[in-house]
Amino acid sequence: MSNKYRKCVGMMILNSNKKILVGKRLDHPSGYWQMPQGGIDENENPEQAVWREMMEEIGTNNAELYKTSNQWINYDIPQETLNHLPWGKKYIGQKQKWFIFKFSGNDTDINVETKNPEFSKWQWMDNKILVENAVPFKRKVYQSILNEFKDLF
């Protein structure tokens, strides 16, 4: 069943105050926030993918890789959301490898108006309110990552 999950990466980017970078998706009018993430291309390893996705989604890679998750986390995506995804007929969800970064740039380096934007806006969010502000089908993933990296907060 694991081939029913699209392999991708997720990134938790922390600023100097240990707040987490989140964005509001352009294609989801819900008002929920999410951390940047994206698919792993063919012939690409997870670490290559996370650096590429960072540039594609927030317009900068001014960050230092701090830790990598020990686990891959699967999550299912509701059918109504899958219907709007280009790969939604092939997969039932995603299998993610997570990376934790320390942001080393300035807020002005972050630009969500990239070539193919995914976010309408971004902000720094406290880890204590991350899960409740995430889209419901990603909440268990976010809680797992926060639990794994609780020593950072």
C-alpha atoms as a PDB file:
ATOM      1  CA  MET A   1       0.000   0.000   0.000  1.00  0.00           C
ATOM      2  CA  SER A   2       2.989   2.329   0.409  1.00  0.00           C
ATOM      3  CA  ASN A   3       3.075   2.905  -3.386  1.00  0.00           C
ATOM      4  CA  LYS A   4      -0.285   4.658  -2.948  1.00  0.00           C
ATOM      5  CA  TYR A   5       1.508   7.457  -1.095  1.00  0.00           C
ATOM      6  CA  ARG A   6       3.407  10.163  -2.970  1.00  0.00           C
ATOM      7  CA  LYS A   7       6.924  10.550  -1.549  1.00  0.00           C
ATOM      8  CA  CYS A   8       7.646  14.060  -0.434  1.00  0.00           C
ATOM      9  CA  VAL A   9       9.512  16.197   2.049  1.00  0.00           C
ATOM     10  CA  GLY A  10       8.363  18.601   4.724  1.00  0.00           C
ATOM     11  CA  MET A  11      10.321  21.385   6.339  1.00  0.00           C
ATOM     12  CA  MET A  12      10.032  23.001   9.724  1.00  0.00           C
ATOM     13  CA  ILE A  13      11.928  26.271   9.462  1.00  0.00           C
ATOM     14  CA  LEU A  14      12.620  27.975  12.792  1.00  0.00           C
ATOM     15  CA  ASN A  15      13.572  31.593  13.316  1.00  0.00           C
ATOM     16  CA  SER A  16      15.790  32.831  16.144  1.00  0.00           C
ATOM     17  CA  ASN A  17      12.735  32.932  18.454  1.00  0.00           C
ATOM     18  CA  LYS A  18      11.967  29.273  17.641  1.00  0.00           C
ATOM     19  CA  LYS A  19       8.809  30.215  15.771  1.00  0.00           C
ATOM     20  CA  ILE A  20       7.849  28.109  12.763  1.00  0.00           C
ATOM     21  CA  LEU A  21       7.433  29.401   9.211  1.00  0.00           C
ATOM     22  CA  VAL A  22       3.943  28.667   7.872  1.00  0.00           C
ATOM     23  CA  GLY A  23       2.017  29.745   4.805  1.00  0.00           C
ATOM     24  CA  LYS A  24      -1.602  29.939   3.665  1.00  0.00           C
ATOM     25  CA  ARG A  25      -2.188  27.877   0.541  1.00  0.00           C
ATOM     26  CA  LEU A  26      -3.451  29.686  -2.547  1.00  0.00           C
ATOM     27  CA  ASP A  27      -5.485  26.673  -3.662  1.00  0.00           C
ATOM     28  CA  HIS A  28      -7.285  26.054  -0.363  1.00  0.00           C
ATOM     29  CA  PRO A  29      -9.657  28.769   0.863  1.00  0.00           C
ATOM     30  CA  SER A  30      -9.937  27.230   4.338  1.00  0.00           C
ATOM     31  CA  GLY A  31      -7.736  29.733   6.148  1.00  0.00           C
ATOM     32  CA  TYR A  32      -5.523  26.954   7.531  1.00  0.00           C
ATOM     33  CA  TRP A  33      -1.753  27.289   7.685  1.00  0.00           C
ATOM     34  CA  GLN A  34       0.869  24.746   6.687  1.00  0.00           C
ATOM     35  CA  MET A  35       4.616  24.302   6.731  1.00  0.00           C
ATOM     36  CA  PRO A  36       6.328  24.185   3.326  1.00  0.00           C
ATOM     37  CA  GLN A  37       6.488  20.759   1.694  1.00  0.00           C
ATOM     38  CA  GLY A  38       6.749  19.190  -1.727  1.00  0.00           C
ATOM     39  CA  GLY A  39       7.285  16.109  -3.818  1.00  0.00           C
ATOM     40  CA  ILE A  40      10.533  14.253  -4.384  1.00  0.00           C
ATOM     41  CA  ASP A  41      11.356  14.171  -8.086  1.00  0.00           C
ATOM     42  CA  GLU A  42      12.632  11.086  -9.856  1.00  0.00           C
ATOM     43  CA  ASN A  43      16.429  10.732  -9.452  1.00  0.00           C
ATOM     44  CA  GLU A  44      16.357  13.054  -6.427  1.00  0.00           C
ATOM     45  CA  ASN A  45      17.049  12.161  -2.801  1.00  0.00           C
ATOM     46  CA  PRO A  46      15.032  13.691   0.057  1.00  0.00           C
ATOM     47  CA  GLU A  47      17.721  16.210   1.037  1.00  0.00           C
ATOM     48  CA  GLN A  48      18.057  17.463  -2.552  1.00  0.00           C
ATOM     49  CA  ALA A  49      14.271  17.748  -2.735  1.00  0.00           C
ATOM     50  CA  VAL A  50      13.921  19.754   0.469  1.00  0.00           C
ATOM     51  CA  TRP A  51      16.434  22.401  -0.663  1.00  0.00           C
ATOM     52  CA  ARG A  52      14.752  22.661  -4.082  1.00  0.00           C
ATOM     53  CA  GLU A  53      11.298  22.880  -2.537  1.00  0.00           C
ATOM     54  CA  MET A  54      12.443  25.573  -0.119  1.00  0.00           C
ATOM     55  CA  MET A  55      13.494  27.778  -3.033  1.00  0.00           C
ATOM     56  CA  GLU A  56      10.304  27.001  -4.969  1.00  0.00           C
ATOM     57  CA  GLU A  57       7.968  27.747  -2.073  1.00  0.00           C
ATOM     58  CA  ILE A  58       9.573  30.558  -0.081  1.00  0.00           C
ATOM     59  CA  GLY A  59      12.100  31.977  -2.543  1.00  0.00           C
ATOM     60  CA  THR A  60      15.170  31.498  -0.373  1.00  0.00           C
ATOM     61  CA  ASN A  61      17.359  28.772   1.075  1.00  0.00           C
ATOM     62  CA  ASN A  62      18.953  30.980   3.740  1.00  0.00           C
ATOM     63  CA  ALA A  63      18.769  28.224   6.311  1.00  0.00           C
ATOM     64  CA  GLU A  64      20.963  25.697   8.031  1.00  0.00           C
ATOM     65  CA  LEU A  65      19.885  22.075   8.192  1.00  0.00           C
ATOM     66  CA  TYR A  66      19.603  21.240  11.872  1.00  0.00           C
ATOM     67  CA  LYS A  67      17.999  17.803  12.098  1.00  0.00           C
ATOM     68  CA  THR A  68      16.312  15.190   9.967  1.00  0.00           C
ATOM     69  CA  SER A  69      13.374  13.154  11.167  1.00  0.00           C
ATOM     70  CA  ASN A  70      14.025   9.487  11.920  1.00  0.00           C
ATOM     71  CA  GLN A  71      10.694   8.516  10.407  1.00  0.00           C
ATOM     72  CA  TRP A  72       8.623   8.691   7.249  1.00  0.00           C
ATOM     73  CA  ILE A  73       5.057   9.748   8.037  1.00  0.00           C
ATOM     74  CA  ASN A  74       2.087   8.774   5.862  1.00  0.00           C
ATOM     75  CA  TYR A  75      -1.149  10.688   5.776  1.00  0.00           C
ATOM     76  CA  ASP A  76      -4.308  10.339   3.727  1.00  0.00           C
ATOM     77  CA  ILE A  77      -5.764  13.268   1.837  1.00  0.00           C
ATOM     78  CA  PRO A  78      -9.553  13.680   1.586  1.00  0.00           C
ATOM     79  CA  GLN A  79     -10.975  12.854  -1.842  1.00  0.00           C
ATOM     80  CA  GLU A  80     -12.358  16.371  -2.355  1.00  0.00           C
ATOM     81  CA  THR A  81      -8.805  17.722  -2.006  1.00  0.00           C
ATOM     82  CA  LEU A  82      -7.256  14.955  -4.133  1.00  0.00           C
ATOM     83  CA  ASN A  83      -9.644  15.892  -6.948  1.00  0.00           C
ATOM     84  CA  HIS A  84      -7.831  19.237  -7.273  1.00  0.00           C
ATOM     85  CA  LEU A  85      -4.275  17.865  -7.228  1.00  0.00           C
ATOM     86  CA  PRO A  86      -2.445  16.961 -10.451  1.00  0.00           C
ATOM     87  CA  TRP A  87      -1.401  13.630  -8.917  1.00  0.00           C
ATOM     88  CA  GLY A  88      -4.683  13.056  -7.058  1.00  0.00           C
ATOM     89  CA  LYS A  89      -5.830  10.131  -9.200  1.00  0.00           C
ATOM     90  CA  LYS A  90      -2.612   8.192  -8.627  1.00  0.00           C
ATOM     91  CA  TYR A  91      -2.172   8.526  -4.842  1.00  0.00           C
ATOM     92  CA  ILE A  92      -4.353   8.511  -1.709  1.00  0.00           C
ATOM     93  CA  GLY A  93      -1.952  10.652   0.313  1.00  0.00           C
ATOM     94  CA  GLN A  94       1.666  11.466   0.969  1.00  0.00           C
ATOM     95  CA  LYS A  95       4.637   9.834   2.678  1.00  0.00           C
ATOM     96  CA  GLN A  96       6.866  12.549   4.123  1.00  0.00           C
ATOM     97  CA  LYS A  97      10.432  12.850   5.352  1.00  0.00           C
ATOM     98  CA  TRP A  98      10.807  15.926   7.589  1.00  0.00           C
ATOM     99  CA  PHE A  99      13.746  18.296   7.929  1.00  0.00           C
ATOM    100  CA  ILE A 100      14.267  20.940  10.614  1.00  0.00           C
ATOM    101  CA  PHE A 101      16.099  24.135   9.667  1.00  0.00           C
ATOM    102  CA  LYS A 102      17.362  27.190  11.483  1.00  0.00           C
ATOM    103  CA  PHE A 103      16.530  30.218   9.339  1.00  0.00           C
ATOM    104  CA  SER A 104      19.697  32.234   8.784  1.00  0.00           C
ATOM    105  CA  GLY A 105      18.348  35.038   6.622  1.00  0.00           C
ATOM    106  CA  ASN A 106      16.171  38.086   7.152  1.00  0.00           C
ATOM    107  CA  ASP A 107      12.386  38.095   6.908  1.00  0.00           C
ATOM    108  CA  THR A 108      12.758  40.195   3.745  1.00  0.00           C
ATOM    109  CA  ASP A 109      14.477  37.206   2.090  1.00  0.00           C
ATOM    110  CA  ILE A 110      11.235  35.232   2.257  1.00  0.00           C
ATOM    111  CA  ASN A 111       9.171  35.652  -0.890  1.00  0.00           C
ATOM    112  CA  VAL A 112       6.106  33.465  -1.425  1.00  0.00           C
ATOM    113  CA  GLU A 113       5.437  35.172  -4.774  1.00  0.00           C
ATOM    114  CA  THR A 114       7.643  32.657  -6.575  1.00  0.00           C
ATOM    115  CA  LYS A 115       7.437  31.430 -10.188  1.00  0.00           C
ATOM    116  CA  ASN A 116       4.703  28.919  -9.265  1.00  0.00           C
ATOM    117  CA  PRO A 117       3.377  30.279  -5.956  1.00  0.00           C
ATOM    118  CA  GLU A 118       1.698  27.980  -3.461  1.00  0.00           C
ATOM    119  CA  PHE A 119       1.158  30.417  -0.596  1.00  0.00           C
ATOM    120  CA  SER A 120      -0.834  33.651  -0.510  1.00  0.00           C
ATOM    121  CA  LYS A 121       1.000  34.845   2.619  1.00  0.00           C
ATOM    122  CA  TRP A 122       3.326  33.607   5.338  1.00  0.00           C
ATOM    123  CA  GLN A 123       4.089  34.226   9.003  1.00  0.00           C
ATOM    124  CA  TRP A 124       6.035  32.902  11.971  1.00  0.00           C
ATOM    125  CA  MET A 125       3.871  30.760  14.278  1.00  0.00           C
ATOM    126  CA  ASP A 126       4.386  29.530  17.831  1.00  0.00           C
ATOM    127  CA  ASN A 127       4.675  25.731  18.077  1.00  0.00           C
ATOM    128  CA  LYS A 128       1.900  25.694  20.721  1.00  0.00           C
ATOM    129  CA  ILE A 129      -0.730  26.775  18.161  1.00  0.00           C
ATOM    130  CA  LEU A 130       0.644  25.056  15.057  1.00  0.00           C
ATOM    131  CA  VAL A 131      -1.507  21.917  15.176  1.00  0.00           C
ATOM    132  CA  GLU A 132      -4.816  23.681  15.822  1.00  0.00           C
ATOM    133  CA  ASN A 133      -4.172  26.057  12.897  1.00  0.00           C
ATOM    134  CA  ALA A 134      -3.247  23.299  10.432  1.00  0.00           C
ATOM    135  CA  VAL A 135      -5.621  21.709   7.956  1.00  0.00           C
ATOM    136  CA  PRO A 136      -7.269  18.821   9.865  1.00  0.00           C
ATOM    137  CA  PHE A 137      -5.837  15.984   7.758  1.00  0.00           C
ATOM    138  CA  LYS A 138      -2.255  17.148   8.519  1.00  0.00           C
ATOM    139  CA  ARG A 139      -2.665  17.609  12.270  1.00  0.00           C
ATOM    140  CA  LYS A 140      -1.407  14.140  13.256  1.00  0.00           C
ATOM    141  CA  VAL A 141       1.674  14.641  11.074  1.00  0.00           C
ATOM    142  CA  TYR A 142       2.423  18.004  12.664  1.00  0.00           C
ATOM    143  CA  GLN A 143       1.920  16.607  16.156  1.00  0.00           C
ATOM    144  CA  SER A 144       4.292  13.707  15.375  1.00  0.00           C
ATOM    145  CA  ILE A 145       6.984  16.109  14.170  1.00  0.00           C
ATOM    146  CA  LEU A 146       6.537  18.391  17.183  1.00  0.00           C
ATOM    147  CA  ASN A 147       6.784  15.353  19.477  1.00  0.00           C
ATOM    148  CA  GLU A 148       9.937  14.091  17.770  1.00  0.00           C
ATOM    149  CA  PHE A 149      11.627  17.484  17.983  1.00  0.00           C
ATOM    150  CA  LYS A 150      10.187  18.697  21.317  1.00  0.00           C
ATOM    151  CA  ASP A 151      13.726  19.292  22.595  1.00  0.00           C
ATOM    152  CA  LEU A 152      13.965  22.256  20.187  1.00  0.00           C
ATOM    153  CA  PHE A 153      11.232  24.166  21.993  1.00  0.00           C
END
